[in-house]
Amino acid sequence: MRGSESMNASVIKALKILDLFTDEEKELTLAEIARRSDLAKPTAYRLLSSLEVCGYLVKTKMSDQDIRYKLGLKLLELGNLVMERLELRNTALPHMKTLCSEIDEVVHLVIREGNEAVYIEKVESNQNIRLYTRIGKRSPLYVGSGPKLLFAHLPKTERRRLLDGLTMESLTPNTITDKEQLLKDLEKIRDQGFSTSHGEQDANTFGISFPIRDYTEQVIAALGVSGLAARFSHEKEADMLQKVKRAAQLISKELGFRPAR
């Protein structure tokens, strides 16, 4: 436990060092960093060296006596990832609201993070009986229309690697827990271009998801709708498929996706 606490303390100290850099002071010396972070020079140097190895800081040597540190490009990479997610949410939300007003079912925006799916945006319906979901909710990739769609569009080798490491637990009687069956389902999703879920996360529910692609043609998110299965007649399901597909295409177009002719 002590080793873990020490490691956590070191991480906190390292992150606080990054906070020392501002628009006014883009470069700092070891002495300045040690003094402002209230650290001994050897400790500050050790943390700076770790941050430098990881790309979070860059060392600039003006002379043997003047060595300074500045923020590295790794932070720019991380910032771009955050900006991409913000752009995705900002672009998708108006279309999600329009879709929700047309179908009156909850609309989700889902992305993949590691071996999980994360719900990063939602628009609630006006139905008296609603499904409980929240922004930030995480789900296994093998459960639900949105997570399965993201799983299906991973490269084949990565899909297989994640599948081999899965421990598949049953959330409802309809949850897929057989890996070979899941593989077949993922192939079907890729072939038909959308994903469905029949009570996999919550009993007596139904969900549909379509892919959102960016300018690189990669699937970066799933646009999904879900509700009580009793409300989804065959006619409503067919109508919903077309409306969700159209909304996903409009979002993808705004993100720069251009389908091959």
Protein backbone atom coordinates (compact mmCIF):
# COMPACT_ATOMS: atom_id res chain seq x y z
CA MET A 1 0.00 0.00 0.00
CA ARG A 2 2.84 2.41 0.84
CA GLY A 3 4.37 1.89 -2.61
CA SER A 4 1.05 2.73 -4.24
CA GLU A 5 0.60 5.85 -2.11
CA SER A 6 4.13 6.98 -2.96
CA MET A 7 3.48 6.46 -6.65
CA ASN A 8 0.23 8.44 -6.48
CA ALA A 9 2.02 11.28 -4.70
CA SER A 10 4.68 11.34 -7.41
CA VAL A 11 2.04 11.52 -10.14
CA ILE A 12 0.33 14.43 -8.39
CA LYS A 13 3.64 16.27 -8.03
CA ALA A 14 4.46 15.70 -11.70
CA LEU A 15 1.06 17.02 -12.82
CA LYS A 16 1.48 20.08 -10.61
CA ILE A 17 4.76 20.78 -12.38
CA LEU A 18 2.89 20.95 -15.69
CA ASP A 19 0.56 23.56 -14.17
CA LEU A 20 3.55 25.88 -13.62
CA PHE A 21 3.81 26.61 -17.34
CA THR A 22 1.69 29.56 -18.52
CA ASP A 23 1.38 31.91 -21.47
CA GLU A 24 3.61 34.35 -19.62
CA GLU A 25 6.21 31.73 -18.66
CA LYS A 26 6.55 29.15 -21.38
CA GLU A 27 10.04 28.04 -20.27
CA LEU A 28 11.32 27.38 -16.75
CA THR A 29 14.64 26.28 -15.27
CA LEU A 30 15.12 23.42 -12.83
CA ALA A 31 15.72 25.89 -10.00
CA GLU A 32 12.53 27.82 -10.80
CA ILE A 33 10.47 24.65 -10.98
CA ALA A 34 11.89 23.28 -7.72
CA ARG A 35 11.26 26.55 -5.90
CA ARG A 36 7.71 27.08 -7.19
CA SER A 37 6.65 23.49 -6.59
CA ASP A 38 8.34 23.39 -3.17
CA LEU A 39 10.44 20.37 -4.14
CA ALA A 40 14.07 19.49 -3.55
CA LYS A 41 16.12 19.84 -6.72
CA PRO A 42 16.90 16.08 -6.97
CA THR A 43 13.19 15.27 -6.68
CA ALA A 44 12.23 17.94 -9.21
CA TYR A 45 14.90 16.70 -11.61
CA ARG A 46 13.66 13.11 -11.33
CA LEU A 47 10.09 14.13 -12.09
CA LEU A 48 11.18 16.39 -14.94
CA SER A 49 13.21 13.57 -16.46
CA SER A 50 10.15 11.26 -16.37
CA LEU A 51 7.95 13.92 -17.97
CA GLU A 52 10.60 14.48 -20.62
CA VAL A 53 10.87 10.77 -21.47
CA CYS A 54 7.08 10.59 -21.86
CA GLY A 55 7.01 13.63 -24.16
CA TYR A 56 5.17 15.97 -21.81
CA LEU A 57 8.20 18.26 -21.46
CA VAL A 58 11.07 19.20 -23.74
CA LYS A 59 14.48 20.31 -22.46
CA THR A 60 16.13 23.24 -24.25
CA LYS A 61 19.81 23.87 -23.60
CA MET A 62 20.81 27.48 -24.12
CA SER A 63 24.20 26.82 -22.50
CA ASP A 64 25.73 24.50 -19.91
CA GLN A 65 24.50 26.88 -17.24
CA ASP A 66 21.13 27.69 -18.82
CA ILE A 67 18.91 24.61 -19.25
CA ARG A 68 15.19 25.18 -19.51
CA TYR A 69 12.05 23.07 -19.86
CA LYS A 70 8.96 23.73 -21.95
CA LEU A 71 5.74 21.82 -22.66
CA GLY A 72 6.07 18.99 -25.18
CA LEU A 73 3.95 17.96 -28.14
CA LYS A 74 2.43 15.04 -26.23
CA LEU A 75 0.12 17.55 -24.55
CA LEU A 76 -0.91 18.84 -27.97
CA GLU A 77 -1.81 15.30 -29.01
CA LEU A 78 -3.95 14.86 -25.90
CA GLY A 79 -5.52 18.27 -26.41
CA ASN A 80 -6.45 17.36 -29.96
CA LEU A 81 -8.17 14.22 -28.71
CA VAL A 82 -10.26 16.29 -26.33
CA MET A 83 -11.06 18.82 -29.06
CA GLU A 84 -12.14 16.04 -31.41
CA ARG A 85 -14.59 14.77 -28.78
CA LEU A 86 -15.92 18.28 -28.20
CA GLU A 87 -16.32 18.77 -31.95
CA LEU A 88 -18.12 15.45 -32.21
CA ARG A 89 -20.57 16.33 -29.43
CA ASN A 90 -21.16 19.87 -30.70
CA THR A 91 -21.74 18.63 -34.24
CA ALA A 92 -23.97 15.73 -33.27
CA LEU A 93 -26.20 17.40 -30.67
CA PRO A 94 -28.46 19.45 -33.03
CA HIS A 95 -29.08 16.36 -35.17
CA MET A 96 -29.73 14.28 -32.07
CA LYS A 97 -32.35 16.79 -30.90
CA THR A 98 -34.03 16.75 -34.30
CA LEU A 99 -34.03 12.95 -34.36
CA CYS A 100 -35.47 12.77 -30.84
CA SER A 101 -38.29 15.16 -31.79
CA GLU A 102 -39.13 12.92 -34.76
CA ILE A 103 -39.16 9.55 -32.99
CA ASP A 104 -39.68 10.49 -29.31
CA GLU A 105 -37.18 7.94 -28.01
CA VAL A 106 -33.90 8.54 -26.19
CA VAL A 107 -30.97 9.24 -28.52
CA HIS A 108 -27.38 8.35 -27.56
CA LEU A 109 -23.91 9.19 -28.79
CA VAL A 110 -21.39 6.48 -27.92
CA ILE A 111 -17.62 6.24 -28.38
CA ARG A 112 -15.07 3.54 -27.62
CA GLU A 113 -12.45 3.92 -24.91
CA GLY A 114 -10.24 0.86 -24.58
CA ASN A 115 -12.37 -2.23 -24.13
CA GLU A 116 -15.46 -0.24 -23.13
CA ALA A 117 -18.06 1.98 -24.74
CA VAL A 118 -18.75 5.39 -23.20
CA TYR A 119 -21.99 7.35 -23.60
CA ILE A 120 -20.84 10.94 -24.15
CA GLU A 121 -24.13 12.64 -25.08
CA LYS A 122 -27.86 11.95 -24.93
CA VAL A 123 -31.20 13.59 -25.67
CA GLU A 124 -34.10 12.42 -23.53
CA SER A 125 -37.55 11.56 -24.87
CA ASN A 126 -40.92 12.72 -23.57
CA GLN A 127 -42.13 9.19 -22.89
CA ASN A 128 -43.78 8.57 -19.52
CA ILE A 129 -41.69 5.42 -19.04
CA ARG A 130 -38.04 6.05 -19.92
CA LEU A 131 -34.82 4.09 -19.86
CA TYR A 132 -32.33 5.29 -17.27
CA THR A 133 -29.06 6.31 -18.89
CA ARG A 134 -26.50 8.97 -18.11
CA ILE A 135 -23.67 10.74 -19.87
CA GLY A 136 -20.46 9.03 -18.84
CA LYS A 137 -22.07 5.60 -18.54
CA ARG A 138 -19.71 2.79 -19.52
CA SER A 139 -20.68 -0.50 -21.08
CA PRO A 140 -18.85 -3.62 -22.25
CA LEU A 141 -18.33 -3.63 -26.01
CA TYR A 142 -20.33 -6.83 -26.43
CA VAL A 143 -23.57 -5.44 -24.93
CA GLY A 144 -26.02 -3.10 -26.67
CA SER A 145 -26.41 -1.77 -30.20
CA GLY A 146 -23.95 1.13 -29.87
CA PRO A 147 -21.11 -0.74 -28.17
CA LYS A 148 -21.46 -3.71 -30.55
CA LEU A 149 -21.37 -1.40 -33.58
CA LEU A 150 -18.09 0.13 -32.38
CA PHE A 151 -16.71 -3.36 -31.70
CA ALA A 152 -17.72 -4.54 -35.17
CA HIS A 153 -15.85 -1.74 -36.93
CA LEU A 154 -12.51 -2.33 -35.24
CA PRO A 155 -9.72 -3.79 -37.38
CA LYS A 156 -9.98 -7.57 -37.49
CA THR A 157 -6.81 -8.22 -35.48
CA GLU A 158 -7.81 -5.77 -32.75
CA ARG A 159 -11.30 -7.19 -32.68
CA ARG A 160 -9.91 -10.67 -32.17
CA ARG A 161 -7.47 -9.49 -29.48
CA LEU A 162 -10.19 -7.78 -27.48
CA LEU A 163 -12.50 -10.74 -27.91
CA ASP A 164 -9.86 -13.17 -26.60
CA GLY A 165 -9.48 -11.09 -23.44
CA LEU A 166 -13.20 -10.68 -22.77
CA THR A 167 -14.95 -12.12 -19.75
CA MET A 168 -18.54 -12.13 -20.97
CA GLU A 169 -21.15 -11.85 -18.23
CA SER A 170 -24.90 -12.06 -18.67
CA LEU A 171 -26.79 -8.86 -17.81
CA THR A 172 -30.15 -10.17 -19.06
CA PRO A 173 -31.31 -13.47 -20.61
CA ASN A 174 -30.63 -11.90 -24.04
CA THR A 175 -27.02 -10.87 -23.40
CA ILE A 176 -24.64 -12.59 -25.81
CA THR A 177 -22.12 -14.58 -23.78
CA ASP A 178 -20.80 -16.95 -26.46
CA LYS A 179 -17.76 -15.56 -28.29
CA GLU A 180 -18.43 -17.36 -31.56
CA GLN A 181 -22.00 -16.10 -31.60
CA LEU A 182 -20.72 -12.59 -30.90
CA LEU A 183 -18.27 -12.85 -33.80
CA LYS A 184 -21.13 -13.78 -36.13
CA ASP A 185 -23.16 -10.86 -34.81
CA LEU A 186 -20.27 -8.45 -35.39
CA GLU A 187 -19.84 -9.66 -38.98
CA LYS A 188 -23.56 -9.21 -39.58
CA ILE A 189 -23.35 -5.64 -38.25
CA ARG A 190 -20.51 -4.81 -40.64
CA ASP A 191 -22.41 -6.34 -43.58
CA GLN A 192 -25.77 -4.66 -42.94
CA GLY A 193 -24.35 -1.30 -41.83
CA PHE A 194 -26.17 -0.98 -38.51
CA SER A 195 -26.59 -2.72 -35.17
CA THR A 196 -29.61 -3.77 -33.12
CA SER A 197 -30.06 -4.92 -29.54
CA HIS A 198 -33.01 -6.87 -28.17
CA GLY A 199 -32.93 -6.55 -24.39
CA GLU A 200 -29.17 -7.12 -24.05
CA GLN A 201 -28.46 -4.39 -21.47
CA ASP A 202 -31.93 -4.04 -19.99
CA ALA A 203 -34.77 -6.52 -20.32
CA ASN A 204 -37.69 -5.64 -22.61
CA THR A 205 -35.80 -2.92 -24.47
CA PHE A 206 -34.83 -2.40 -28.09
CA GLY A 207 -32.01 -0.37 -29.63
CA ILE A 208 -30.70 0.63 -33.06
CA SER A 209 -27.32 2.23 -33.84
CA PHE A 210 -25.63 3.54 -36.98
CA PRO A 211 -21.96 4.50 -37.45
CA ILE A 212 -20.61 8.04 -37.46
CA ARG A 213 -17.48 8.46 -39.56
CA ASP A 214 -14.96 11.28 -39.79
CA TYR A 215 -12.93 12.64 -42.70
CA THR A 216 -10.56 9.65 -42.50
CA GLU A 217 -13.56 7.33 -43.10
CA GLN A 218 -13.04 5.72 -39.69
CA VAL A 219 -16.00 4.92 -37.45
CA ILE A 220 -15.50 7.23 -34.46
CA ALA A 221 -18.88 6.94 -32.76
CA ALA A 222 -22.26 5.25 -32.78
CA LEU A 223 -25.54 7.13 -32.99
CA GLY A 224 -28.21 5.10 -31.28
CA VAL A 225 -31.82 5.17 -30.16
CA SER A 226 -33.41 2.95 -27.55
CA GLY A 227 -36.70 2.45 -25.79
CA LEU A 228 -39.14 -0.12 -24.49
CA ALA A 229 -39.54 -3.02 -26.91
CA ALA A 230 -43.33 -2.79 -26.65
CA ARG A 231 -43.22 0.60 -28.41
CA PHE A 232 -41.24 -0.73 -31.39
CA SER A 233 -43.64 -2.19 -33.93
CA HIS A 234 -42.27 -3.44 -37.26
CA GLU A 235 -43.52 -0.27 -38.93
CA LYS A 236 -41.89 1.99 -36.34
CA GLU A 237 -38.65 0.02 -36.49
CA ALA A 238 -38.46 0.38 -40.28
CA ASP A 239 -39.17 4.12 -40.05
CA MET A 240 -36.63 4.52 -37.26
CA LEU A 241 -33.91 2.74 -39.22
CA GLN A 242 -34.21 5.31 -41.98
CA LYS A 243 -34.29 8.30 -39.63
CA VAL A 244 -31.33 7.20 -37.49
CA LYS A 245 -29.34 6.36 -40.62
CA ARG A 246 -30.03 9.78 -42.10
CA ALA A 247 -29.04 11.58 -38.87
CA ALA A 248 -25.78 9.59 -38.66
CA GLN A 249 -25.01 10.44 -42.29
CA LEU A 250 -25.61 14.16 -41.71
CA ILE A 251 -23.31 14.18 -38.67
CA SER A 252 -20.64 12.27 -40.59
CA LYS A 253 -20.88 14.73 -43.47
CA GLU A 254 -20.34 17.68 -41.14
CA LEU A 255 -17.29 15.91 -39.72
CA GLY A 256 -15.80 15.70 -43.22
CA PHE A 257 -16.79 12.19 -44.27
CA ARG A 258 -17.31 11.77 -48.00
CA PRO A 259 -18.61 8.33 -49.06
CA ALA A 260 -16.89 6.67 -51.99
CA ARG A 261 -18.88 7.01 -55.18
